[in-house]
Amino acid sequence: MTTRKPRSFRPTLECLESRTVLSTVLPKPPTTTAIVHQVSTRVNYSYSWIVTPGAVLTGTNSTTHNKRSTGSVAFAWVRQTNASLIQGGSAATIPFGYVLTSSSAPGNHPDVYNRSFTIRLGIRDASSGVTGYLYFKGTITGTLTASSSHLTVKFAAPTQRITLGSHIYTVTLPSSFVPHSPTTGPYKLFARVSVRHR
């Protein structure tokens, strides 16, 4: 009796193609979110203002003996002030003075203004001890009477920058404003100031 040897099974290409190979997908490692704590840096500084040619501006009036206005437009500044800002933060609003008007002119013969002036802002950076100056050139035009103001103040370059030590200061004045009449009271002036690292 002849004993048959068992056939060895060799998978053919067709058999391999018909098999389903299960792939194992490894889970992604959890994402780590880094938490960054920002520390606000406060910058200390001081500032002061003056106006040239003077704090009191006069106009003209054809009915007066000397042809000058019956009153004036005067600037009153706040004293030198110490302040602080957050470096790279939003601009802060600071008061810097008042504009006061006076006149006894009647409505049919108003005081007339067509004057130029310059406001000088001095800033001292506390950390470096350096002081610098910004110059804002302005004009005041229009008419003024005892009871009304048709004056307009404009600044040619209301936003300016200055570098002091390692800081850059940006200062913005109002581009224009209308001073109050003599019967209304003073007009309060504000500026916007911000600082960033150089």
N, C-alpha and C. Protein backbone atom coordinates (compact mmCIF):
# COMPACT_ATOMS: atom_id res chain seq x y z
N MET A 1 0.86 -1.19 0.00
CA MET A 1 0.00 0.00 0.00
C MET A 1 0.89 1.23 0.00
N THR A 2 0.54 2.06 -0.92
CA THR A 2 1.36 3.28 -1.05
C THR A 2 0.78 4.38 -0.20
N THR A 3 1.62 4.97 0.67
CA THR A 3 1.16 6.09 1.54
C THR A 3 1.39 7.41 0.82
N ARG A 4 0.28 8.20 0.70
CA ARG A 4 0.38 9.49 0.02
C ARG A 4 0.83 10.57 1.00
N LYS A 5 1.77 11.32 0.52
CA LYS A 5 2.24 12.44 1.35
C LYS A 5 1.23 13.58 1.26
N PRO A 6 0.94 14.20 2.39
CA PRO A 6 0.00 15.35 2.33
C PRO A 6 0.60 16.50 1.54
N ARG A 7 -0.23 17.11 0.75
CA ARG A 7 0.23 18.25 -0.05
C ARG A 7 0.42 19.48 0.83
N SER A 8 1.53 20.12 0.58
CA SER A 8 1.74 21.39 1.31
C SER A 8 0.99 22.49 0.59
N PHE A 9 0.31 23.37 1.39
CA PHE A 9 -0.51 24.43 0.81
C PHE A 9 0.33 25.68 0.62
N ARG A 10 0.41 26.08 -0.58
CA ARG A 10 1.11 27.32 -0.91
C ARG A 10 0.09 28.31 -1.43
N PRO A 11 -0.10 29.38 -0.72
CA PRO A 11 -1.12 30.35 -1.18
C PRO A 11 -0.71 30.99 -2.50
N THR A 12 -1.62 31.02 -3.39
CA THR A 12 -1.37 31.68 -4.68
C THR A 12 -1.66 33.15 -4.55
N LEU A 13 -1.30 33.87 -5.61
CA LEU A 13 -1.52 35.32 -5.62
C LEU A 13 -2.99 35.64 -5.48
N GLU A 14 -3.85 34.79 -6.12
CA GLU A 14 -5.28 35.04 -6.05
C GLU A 14 -5.78 34.92 -4.62
N CYS A 15 -5.22 33.92 -3.91
CA CYS A 15 -5.65 33.74 -2.52
C CYS A 15 -5.26 34.93 -1.66
N LEU A 16 -4.03 35.40 -1.88
CA LEU A 16 -3.58 36.54 -1.08
C LEU A 16 -4.41 37.78 -1.35
N GLU A 17 -4.79 37.99 -2.61
CA GLU A 17 -5.56 39.17 -2.95
C GLU A 17 -6.95 39.13 -2.37
N SER A 18 -7.47 37.86 -2.15
CA SER A 18 -8.84 37.75 -1.64
C SER A 18 -8.92 37.93 -0.15
N ARG A 19 -7.76 37.92 0.52
CA ARG A 19 -7.77 38.07 1.97
C ARG A 19 -7.93 39.54 2.36
N THR A 20 -8.56 39.72 3.46
CA THR A 20 -8.71 41.06 4.00
C THR A 20 -7.70 41.25 5.11
N VAL A 21 -6.83 42.25 4.92
CA VAL A 21 -5.81 42.52 5.92
C VAL A 21 -6.30 43.64 6.80
N LEU A 22 -6.41 43.37 8.07
CA LEU A 22 -6.88 44.40 9.00
C LEU A 22 -5.70 45.26 9.42
N SER A 23 -5.87 46.57 9.30
CA SER A 23 -4.80 47.50 9.70
C SER A 23 -5.11 48.02 11.09
N THR A 24 -4.09 48.23 11.82
CA THR A 24 -4.25 48.76 13.18
C THR A 24 -3.88 50.24 13.18
N VAL A 25 -4.83 51.10 13.57
CA VAL A 25 -4.60 52.54 13.63
C VAL A 25 -4.33 52.93 15.07
N LEU A 26 -3.15 53.42 15.30
CA LEU A 26 -2.79 53.82 16.66
C LEU A 26 -3.40 55.18 16.99
N PRO A 27 -3.93 55.35 18.17
CA PRO A 27 -4.52 56.66 18.53
C PRO A 27 -3.44 57.74 18.58
N LYS A 28 -3.85 58.96 18.17
CA LYS A 28 -2.92 60.08 18.21
C LYS A 28 -2.67 60.50 19.65
N PRO A 29 -1.45 60.90 19.94
CA PRO A 29 -1.17 61.36 21.31
C PRO A 29 -1.94 62.64 21.60
N PRO A 30 -2.37 62.83 22.81
CA PRO A 30 -3.13 64.04 23.15
C PRO A 30 -2.32 65.30 22.89
N THR A 31 -3.02 66.32 22.37
CA THR A 31 -2.36 67.60 22.08
C THR A 31 -2.22 68.40 23.36
N THR A 32 -1.03 68.90 23.58
CA THR A 32 -0.77 69.71 24.77
C THR A 32 -0.83 71.18 24.40
N THR A 33 -1.70 71.93 25.05
CA THR A 33 -1.83 73.36 24.80
C THR A 33 -0.99 74.12 25.80
N ALA A 34 -0.08 74.93 25.27
CA ALA A 34 0.79 75.72 26.15
C ALA A 34 0.07 76.97 26.60
N ILE A 35 0.09 77.26 27.84
CA ILE A 35 -0.54 78.45 28.40
C ILE A 35 0.54 79.49 28.65
N VAL A 36 0.38 80.64 27.96
CA VAL A 36 1.36 81.71 28.07
C VAL A 36 0.77 82.83 28.93
N HIS A 37 1.45 83.16 29.97
CA HIS A 37 1.00 84.25 30.84
C HIS A 37 1.73 85.52 30.44
N GLN A 38 0.93 86.55 30.01
CA GLN A 38 1.53 87.82 29.61
C GLN A 38 1.63 88.73 30.81
N VAL A 39 2.78 89.30 30.98
CA VAL A 39 3.00 90.24 32.07
C VAL A 39 2.99 91.65 31.51
N SER A 40 2.12 92.50 32.03
CA SER A 40 2.02 93.88 31.56
C SER A 40 3.16 94.70 32.15
N THR A 41 3.83 95.43 31.30
CA THR A 41 4.91 96.31 31.74
C THR A 41 4.40 97.74 31.78
N ARG A 42 4.53 98.37 32.92
CA ARG A 42 4.06 99.75 33.06
C ARG A 42 5.23 100.71 32.88
N VAL A 43 5.01 101.73 32.07
CA VAL A 43 6.04 102.72 31.75
C VAL A 43 5.67 104.04 32.43
N ASN A 44 6.58 104.55 33.22
CA ASN A 44 6.37 105.82 33.92
C ASN A 44 6.97 106.97 33.12
N TYR A 45 6.26 108.09 33.09
CA TYR A 45 6.73 109.27 32.37
C TYR A 45 6.09 110.51 32.98
N SER A 46 6.56 111.68 32.57
CA SER A 46 5.95 112.95 32.97
C SER A 46 5.86 113.84 31.74
N TYR A 47 4.95 114.82 31.78
CA TYR A 47 4.75 115.67 30.61
C TYR A 47 4.37 117.09 31.04
N SER A 48 4.65 118.04 30.15
CA SER A 48 4.31 119.45 30.38
C SER A 48 4.06 120.12 29.03
N TRP A 49 3.26 121.21 29.04
CA TRP A 49 2.85 121.89 27.81
C TRP A 49 3.14 123.38 27.89
N ILE A 50 3.48 123.98 26.75
CA ILE A 50 3.50 125.44 26.63
C ILE A 50 3.04 125.79 25.21
N VAL A 51 2.67 127.05 24.99
CA VAL A 51 2.26 127.50 23.67
C VAL A 51 3.05 128.75 23.31
N THR A 52 3.46 128.83 22.06
CA THR A 52 4.16 130.02 21.56
C THR A 52 3.37 130.58 20.38
N PRO A 53 3.37 131.92 20.16
CA PRO A 53 4.23 132.93 20.81
C PRO A 53 3.82 133.31 22.22
N GLY A 54 2.66 132.87 22.69
CA GLY A 54 2.24 133.19 24.04
C GLY A 54 0.94 132.49 24.35
N ALA A 55 0.58 132.46 25.63
CA ALA A 55 -0.63 131.76 26.03
C ALA A 55 -1.89 132.54 25.73
N VAL A 56 -1.75 133.83 25.40
CA VAL A 56 -2.91 134.68 25.09
C VAL A 56 -2.80 135.17 23.65
N LEU A 57 -3.80 134.85 22.85
CA LEU A 57 -3.82 135.26 21.44
C LEU A 57 -4.91 136.30 21.24
N THR A 58 -4.58 137.36 20.50
CA THR A 58 -5.56 138.40 20.20
C THR A 58 -5.84 138.44 18.70
N GLY A 59 -6.99 139.02 18.37
CA GLY A 59 -7.38 139.17 16.97
C GLY A 59 -7.45 140.64 16.59
N THR A 60 -8.29 140.94 15.63
CA THR A 60 -8.45 142.32 15.16
C THR A 60 -9.92 142.72 15.23
N ASN A 61 -10.14 144.03 15.28
CA ASN A 61 -11.49 144.58 15.23
C ASN A 61 -11.39 146.00 14.69
N SER A 62 -12.05 146.24 13.58
CA SER A 62 -11.92 147.53 12.89
C SER A 62 -12.54 148.69 13.65
N THR A 63 -13.36 148.40 14.65
CA THR A 63 -14.05 149.48 15.37
C THR A 63 -13.31 149.95 16.62
N THR A 64 -12.27 149.25 17.04
CA THR A 64 -11.54 149.68 18.23
C THR A 64 -10.46 150.70 17.86
N HIS A 65 -10.00 151.42 18.88
CA HIS A 65 -9.03 152.49 18.64
C HIS A 65 -7.72 151.95 18.08
N ASN A 66 -7.25 150.83 18.61
CA ASN A 66 -5.97 150.27 18.15
C ASN A 66 -6.15 149.14 17.13
N LYS A 67 -7.39 148.94 16.69
CA LYS A 67 -7.73 147.91 15.69
C LYS A 67 -7.51 146.49 16.20
N ARG A 68 -7.30 146.35 17.49
CA ARG A 68 -7.16 145.02 18.07
C ARG A 68 -8.51 144.53 18.58
N SER A 69 -8.58 143.23 18.82
CA SER A 69 -9.82 142.63 19.30
C SER A 69 -10.17 143.15 20.69
N THR A 70 -11.44 143.09 21.02
CA THR A 70 -11.89 143.55 22.35
C THR A 70 -11.56 142.53 23.44
N GLY A 71 -11.26 141.32 23.04
CA GLY A 71 -10.93 140.27 24.01
C GLY A 71 -9.80 139.40 23.50
N SER A 72 -9.80 138.13 23.89
CA SER A 72 -8.69 137.25 23.53
C SER A 72 -9.12 135.79 23.58
N VAL A 73 -8.21 134.95 23.11
CA VAL A 73 -8.32 133.49 23.26
C VAL A 73 -7.09 133.07 24.07
N ALA A 74 -7.32 132.47 25.23
CA ALA A 74 -6.22 132.15 26.14
C ALA A 74 -6.15 130.65 26.39
N PHE A 75 -4.91 130.15 26.49
CA PHE A 75 -4.66 128.75 26.82
C PHE A 75 -4.19 128.67 28.27
N ALA A 76 -4.79 127.77 29.03
CA ALA A 76 -4.37 127.51 30.40
C ALA A 76 -3.98 126.04 30.49
N TRP A 77 -2.71 125.77 30.84
CA TRP A 77 -2.20 124.40 30.81
C TRP A 77 -2.24 123.75 32.19
N VAL A 78 -2.36 122.45 32.20
CA VAL A 78 -2.21 121.73 33.46
C VAL A 78 -0.73 121.76 33.85
N ARG A 79 -0.46 121.59 35.14
CA ARG A 79 0.92 121.59 35.61
C ARG A 79 1.64 120.34 35.12
N GLN A 80 2.97 120.36 35.27
CA GLN A 80 3.73 119.15 34.91
C GLN A 80 3.17 117.98 35.68
N THR A 81 2.89 116.91 34.96
CA THR A 81 2.15 115.78 35.52
C THR A 81 2.93 114.48 35.38
N ASN A 82 2.94 113.68 36.43
CA ASN A 82 3.51 112.34 36.37
C ASN A 82 2.40 111.35 36.01
N ALA A 83 2.71 110.41 35.13
CA ALA A 83 1.71 109.45 34.69
C ALA A 83 2.39 108.14 34.33
N SER A 84 1.58 107.13 34.00
CA SER A 84 2.12 105.84 33.58
C SER A 84 1.21 105.23 32.53
N LEU A 85 1.82 104.39 31.68
CA LEU A 85 1.10 103.72 30.60
C LEU A 85 1.50 102.25 30.58
N ILE A 86 0.61 101.39 30.06
CA ILE A 86 0.95 99.99 29.85
C ILE A 86 1.64 99.88 28.49
N GLN A 87 2.85 99.35 28.49
CA GLN A 87 3.61 99.22 27.25
C GLN A 87 2.87 98.31 26.26
N GLY A 88 2.63 98.84 25.06
CA GLY A 88 1.92 98.09 24.04
C GLY A 88 0.42 98.04 24.25
N GLY A 89 -0.08 98.74 25.26
CA GLY A 89 -1.51 98.74 25.55
C GLY A 89 -2.26 99.83 24.79
N SER A 90 -3.53 99.98 25.12
CA SER A 90 -4.37 100.99 24.48
C SER A 90 -3.93 102.39 24.90
N ALA A 91 -4.23 103.36 24.04
CA ALA A 91 -3.89 104.75 24.35
C ALA A 91 -4.72 105.25 25.52
N ALA A 92 -4.09 106.08 26.34
CA ALA A 92 -4.77 106.69 27.48
C ALA A 92 -5.13 108.12 27.15
N THR A 93 -6.24 108.58 27.71
CA THR A 93 -6.68 109.97 27.52
C THR A 93 -6.17 110.81 28.68
N ILE A 94 -5.47 111.89 28.35
CA ILE A 94 -4.95 112.77 29.40
C ILE A 94 -5.44 114.20 29.15
N PRO A 95 -5.86 114.91 30.20
CA PRO A 95 -6.20 116.33 30.05
C PRO A 95 -4.93 117.15 29.99
N PHE A 96 -4.91 118.16 29.12
CA PHE A 96 -3.69 118.97 29.09
C PHE A 96 -3.94 120.47 29.16
N GLY A 97 -5.20 120.90 29.18
CA GLY A 97 -5.41 122.33 29.34
C GLY A 97 -6.83 122.77 29.02
N TYR A 98 -6.99 124.10 29.00
CA TYR A 98 -8.28 124.71 28.72
C TYR A 98 -8.08 125.85 27.73
N VAL A 99 -9.13 126.11 26.96
CA VAL A 99 -9.16 127.29 26.09
C VAL A 99 -10.28 128.19 26.57
N LEU A 100 -9.92 129.44 26.90
CA LEU A 100 -10.89 130.41 27.41
C LEU A 100 -11.00 131.57 26.43
N THR A 101 -12.21 132.00 26.17
CA THR A 101 -12.44 133.13 25.26
C THR A 101 -13.06 134.30 26.02
N SER A 102 -12.73 135.50 25.57
CA SER A 102 -13.34 136.72 26.12
C SER A 102 -13.55 137.71 25.00
N SER A 103 -14.63 138.47 25.08
CA SER A 103 -14.93 139.48 24.06
C SER A 103 -16.08 140.36 24.55
N SER A 104 -16.04 141.61 24.13
CA SER A 104 -17.17 142.52 24.36
C SER A 104 -17.72 143.03 23.03
N ALA A 105 -17.31 142.38 21.94
CA ALA A 105 -17.71 142.83 20.61
C ALA A 105 -19.19 142.49 20.35
N PRO A 106 -19.91 143.42 19.70
CA PRO A 106 -21.30 143.13 19.33
C PRO A 106 -21.34 142.20 18.11
N GLY A 107 -22.52 141.69 17.84
CA GLY A 107 -22.67 140.75 16.74
C GLY A 107 -22.37 141.33 15.38
N ASN A 108 -22.61 142.65 15.21
CA ASN A 108 -22.38 143.26 13.90
C ASN A 108 -20.94 143.71 13.69
N HIS A 109 -20.13 143.68 14.75
CA HIS A 109 -18.70 144.02 14.64
C HIS A 109 -17.89 143.03 15.49
N PRO A 110 -17.81 141.78 15.07
CA PRO A 110 -17.12 140.77 15.88
C PRO A 110 -15.60 140.93 15.85
N ASP A 111 -14.97 140.34 16.82
CA ASP A 111 -13.51 140.20 16.77
C ASP A 111 -13.17 139.13 15.73
N VAL A 112 -12.12 139.40 14.96
CA VAL A 112 -11.73 138.49 13.87
C VAL A 112 -10.37 137.89 14.21
N TYR A 113 -10.27 136.56 14.03
CA TYR A 113 -9.02 135.85 14.34
C TYR A 113 -8.51 135.12 13.10
N ASN A 114 -7.21 135.27 12.89
CA ASN A 114 -6.51 134.50 11.86
C ASN A 114 -5.05 134.40 12.33
N ARG A 115 -4.85 133.52 13.32
CA ARG A 115 -3.56 133.44 14.00
C ARG A 115 -2.98 132.03 13.92
N SER A 116 -1.65 131.98 13.91
CA SER A 116 -0.94 130.71 14.00
C SER A 116 -0.28 130.62 15.36
N PHE A 117 -0.14 129.41 15.86
CA PHE A 117 0.52 129.19 17.15
C PHE A 117 1.13 127.79 17.15
N THR A 118 1.96 127.51 18.12
CA THR A 118 2.59 126.20 18.26
C THR A 118 2.50 125.74 19.70
N ILE A 119 2.02 124.53 19.88
CA ILE A 119 2.00 123.90 21.21
C ILE A 119 3.21 122.98 21.32
N ARG A 120 3.98 123.16 22.38
CA ARG A 120 5.15 122.30 22.62
C ARG A 120 4.84 121.35 23.77
N LEU A 121 4.97 120.08 23.51
CA LEU A 121 4.77 119.06 24.54
C LEU A 121 6.12 118.47 24.92
N GLY A 122 6.46 118.55 26.19
CA GLY A 122 7.68 117.94 26.69
C GLY A 122 7.36 116.64 27.41
N ILE A 123 8.06 115.56 27.06
CA ILE A 123 7.87 114.26 27.69
C ILE A 123 9.19 113.80 28.27
N ARG A 124 9.16 113.36 29.52
CA ARG A 124 10.36 112.80 30.16
C ARG A 124 10.11 111.33 30.45
N ASP A 125 10.93 110.47 29.84
CA ASP A 125 10.86 109.03 30.06
C ASP A 125 11.58 108.70 31.37
N ALA A 126 10.83 108.15 32.34
CA ALA A 126 11.40 107.96 33.67
C ALA A 126 12.53 106.94 33.70
N SER A 127 12.40 105.84 32.96
CA SER A 127 13.40 104.77 33.05
C SER A 127 14.75 105.19 32.48
N SER A 128 14.75 106.03 31.44
CA SER A 128 16.02 106.47 30.84
C SER A 128 16.44 107.86 31.30
N GLY A 129 15.48 108.63 31.82
CA GLY A 129 15.78 110.00 32.21
C GLY A 129 15.89 110.96 31.04
N VAL A 130 15.53 110.51 29.82
CA VAL A 130 15.64 111.33 28.61
C VAL A 130 14.37 112.15 28.43
N THR A 131 14.53 113.42 28.07
CA THR A 131 13.41 114.32 27.78
C THR A 131 13.43 114.70 26.31
N GLY A 132 12.26 114.70 25.68
CA GLY A 132 12.14 115.12 24.28
C GLY A 132 10.91 115.99 24.11
N TYR A 133 10.82 116.62 22.92
CA TYR A 133 9.74 117.59 22.68
C TYR A 133 9.04 117.31 21.36
N LEU A 134 7.72 117.49 21.37
CA LEU A 134 6.90 117.43 20.17
C LEU A 134 6.28 118.80 19.95
N TYR A 135 6.18 119.20 18.66
CA TYR A 135 5.66 120.53 18.32
C TYR A 135 4.43 120.37 17.43
N PHE A 136 3.31 120.88 17.92
CA PHE A 136 2.04 120.80 17.19
C PHE A 136 1.70 122.20 16.68
N LYS A 137 1.75 122.38 15.36
CA LYS A 137 1.46 123.68 14.76
C LYS A 137 -0.04 123.80 14.50
N GLY A 138 -0.62 124.90 15.00
CA GLY A 138 -2.05 125.08 14.87
C GLY A 138 -2.42 126.45 14.34
N THR A 139 -3.68 126.59 13.96
CA THR A 139 -4.23 127.88 13.52
C THR A 139 -5.58 128.10 14.21
N ILE A 140 -5.91 129.36 14.45
CA ILE A 140 -7.22 129.71 14.97
C ILE A 140 -7.81 130.76 14.04
N THR A 141 -8.97 130.47 13.49
CA THR A 141 -9.62 131.38 12.53
C THR A 141 -11.09 131.52 12.87
N GLY A 142 -11.68 132.64 12.43
CA GLY A 142 -13.11 132.85 12.63
C GLY A 142 -13.39 134.12 13.40
N THR A 143 -14.59 134.18 13.95
CA THR A 143 -15.03 135.39 14.65
C THR A 143 -15.53 135.06 16.05
N LEU A 144 -15.49 136.09 16.91
CA LEU A 144 -15.90 135.94 18.31
C LEU A 144 -16.62 137.20 18.76
N THR A 145 -17.74 137.01 19.44
CA THR A 145 -18.47 138.14 20.02
C THR A 145 -18.67 137.89 21.51
N ALA A 146 -19.35 138.82 22.15
CA ALA A 146 -19.58 138.69 23.59
C ALA A 146 -20.43 137.48 23.94
N SER A 147 -21.23 137.00 22.98
CA SER A 147 -22.15 135.90 23.29
C SER A 147 -22.04 134.70 22.36
N SER A 148 -21.13 134.74 21.39
CA SER A 148 -21.06 133.61 20.44
C SER A 148 -19.62 133.39 19.97
N SER A 149 -19.35 132.14 19.58
CA SER A 149 -18.04 131.79 19.05
C SER A 149 -18.21 131.08 17.72
N HIS A 150 -17.55 131.63 16.70
CA HIS A 150 -17.48 130.99 15.39
C HIS A 150 -16.00 130.77 15.05
N LEU A 151 -15.24 130.37 16.07
CA LEU A 151 -13.82 130.11 15.91
C LEU A 151 -13.58 128.63 15.64
N THR A 152 -12.53 128.35 14.90
CA THR A 152 -12.11 126.96 14.66
C THR A 152 -10.61 126.86 14.87
N VAL A 153 -10.22 125.89 15.67
CA VAL A 153 -8.80 125.60 15.89
C VAL A 153 -8.47 124.31 15.15
N LYS A 154 -7.40 124.34 14.34
CA LYS A 154 -6.98 123.15 13.59
C LYS A 154 -5.49 122.90 13.80
N PHE A 155 -5.12 121.62 13.78
CA PHE A 155 -3.72 121.22 13.88
C PHE A 155 -3.31 120.53 12.59
N ALA A 156 -2.16 120.95 12.03
CA ALA A 156 -1.70 120.41 10.75
C ALA A 156 -1.31 118.94 10.86
N ALA A 157 -0.67 118.56 11.96
CA ALA A 157 -0.23 117.17 12.17
C ALA A 157 -0.60 116.78 13.59
N PRO A 158 -1.84 116.36 13.82
CA PRO A 158 -2.30 116.10 15.19
C PRO A 158 -1.70 114.87 15.84
N THR A 159 -1.13 113.93 15.06
CA THR A 159 -0.51 112.73 15.62
C THR A 159 0.99 112.76 15.38
N GLN A 160 1.76 112.62 16.45
CA GLN A 160 3.22 112.63 16.33
C GLN A 160 3.82 111.58 17.25
N ARG A 161 5.07 111.18 16.93
CA ARG A 161 5.78 110.15 17.70
C ARG A 161 7.16 110.65 18.09
N ILE A 162 7.63 110.12 19.21
CA ILE A 162 8.97 110.47 19.67
C ILE A 162 9.56 109.25 20.39
N THR A 163 10.87 109.02 20.16
CA THR A 163 11.58 107.91 20.80
C THR A 163 12.41 108.45 21.95
N LEU A 164 12.18 107.90 23.13
CA LEU A 164 12.92 108.29 24.34
C LEU A 164 13.42 107.03 25.01
N GLY A 165 14.74 106.86 25.05
CA GLY A 165 15.29 105.64 25.61
C GLY A 165 14.86 104.44 24.79
N SER A 166 14.28 103.46 25.45
CA SER A 166 13.81 102.26 24.75
C SER A 166 12.32 102.29 24.46
N HIS A 167 11.71 103.48 24.54
CA HIS A 167 10.26 103.58 24.35
C HIS A 167 9.92 104.55 23.22
N ILE A 168 8.85 104.22 22.51
CA ILE A 168 8.31 105.10 21.46
C ILE A 168 6.94 105.59 21.92
N TYR A 169 6.82 106.90 22.09
CA TYR A 169 5.56 107.51 22.53
C TYR A 169 4.81 108.05 21.32
N THR A 170 3.49 107.81 21.29
CA THR A 170 2.61 108.36 20.25
C THR A 170 1.59 109.26 20.91
N VAL A 171 1.49 110.50 20.45
CA VAL A 171 0.58 111.48 21.03
C VAL A 171 -0.35 112.00 19.94
N THR A 172 -1.65 112.03 20.23
CA THR A 172 -2.64 112.52 19.27
C THR A 172 -3.49 113.60 19.91
N LEU A 173 -3.51 114.78 19.29
CA LEU A 173 -4.39 115.87 19.69
C LEU A 173 -5.63 115.84 18.82
N PRO A 174 -6.71 116.52 19.21
CA PRO A 174 -7.86 116.61 18.31
C PRO A 174 -7.46 117.34 17.03
N SER A 175 -7.90 116.84 15.87
CA SER A 175 -7.52 117.49 14.61
C SER A 175 -8.11 118.89 14.51
N SER A 176 -9.27 119.11 15.12
CA SER A 176 -9.89 120.44 15.14
C SER A 176 -10.91 120.51 16.28
N PHE A 177 -11.21 121.71 16.71
CA PHE A 177 -12.28 121.91 17.70
C PHE A 177 -12.75 123.35 17.65
N VAL A 178 -13.92 123.60 18.23
CA VAL A 178 -14.51 124.95 18.26
C VAL A 178 -14.51 125.43 19.70
N PRO A 179 -13.73 126.46 20.04
CA PRO A 179 -13.73 126.99 21.40
C PRO A 179 -15.12 127.52 21.78
N HIS A 180 -15.43 127.45 23.05
CA HIS A 180 -16.72 127.92 23.53
C HIS A 180 -16.82 129.45 23.48
N SER A 181 -18.04 129.92 23.54
CA SER A 181 -18.26 131.37 23.62
C SER A 181 -17.89 131.87 25.00
N PRO A 182 -17.69 133.19 25.18
CA PRO A 182 -17.33 133.73 26.50
C PRO A 182 -18.36 133.43 27.59
N THR A 183 -19.63 133.25 27.21
CA THR A 183 -20.68 133.00 28.20
C THR A 183 -20.81 131.52 28.56
N THR A 184 -20.17 130.64 27.80
CA THR A 184 -20.31 129.19 28.04
C THR A 184 -19.28 128.65 29.00
N GLY A 185 -18.09 129.20 28.98
CA GLY A 185 -17.04 128.69 29.86
C GLY A 185 -15.90 128.09 29.07
N PRO A 186 -14.88 127.59 29.77
CA PRO A 186 -13.69 127.09 29.08
C PRO A 186 -13.95 125.78 28.32
N TYR A 187 -13.15 125.58 27.29
CA TYR A 187 -13.18 124.34 26.51
C TYR A 187 -12.03 123.47 27.02
N LYS A 188 -12.34 122.25 27.44
CA LYS A 188 -11.31 121.38 28.01
C LYS A 188 -10.62 120.59 26.91
N LEU A 189 -9.29 120.55 26.95
CA LEU A 189 -8.49 119.88 25.94
C LEU A 189 -7.97 118.53 26.45
N PHE A 190 -8.03 117.53 25.57
CA PHE A 190 -7.53 116.20 25.90
C PHE A 190 -6.59 115.72 24.79
N ALA A 191 -5.68 114.85 25.16
CA ALA A 191 -4.79 114.20 24.20
C ALA A 191 -4.83 112.69 24.45
N ARG A 192 -4.46 111.92 23.43
CA ARG A 192 -4.36 110.47 23.54
C ARG A 192 -2.87 110.09 23.47
N VAL A 193 -2.42 109.29 24.43
CA VAL A 193 -1.01 108.93 24.52
C VAL A 193 -0.88 107.41 24.66
N SER A 194 0.04 106.83 23.89
CA SER A 194 0.35 105.41 24.01
C SER A 194 1.87 105.23 23.93
N VAL A 195 2.36 104.06 24.36
CA VAL A 195 3.79 103.79 24.34
C VAL A 195 4.03 102.33 23.98
N ARG A 196 5.10 102.09 23.24
CA ARG A 196 5.50 100.72 22.91
C ARG A 196 7.02 100.63 22.99
N HIS A 197 7.52 99.39 23.03
CA HIS A 197 8.96 99.18 23.11
C HIS A 197 9.62 99.50 21.77
N ARG A 198 10.79 100.05 21.83
CA ARG A 198 11.50 100.46 20.63
C ARG A 198 11.89 99.26 19.78
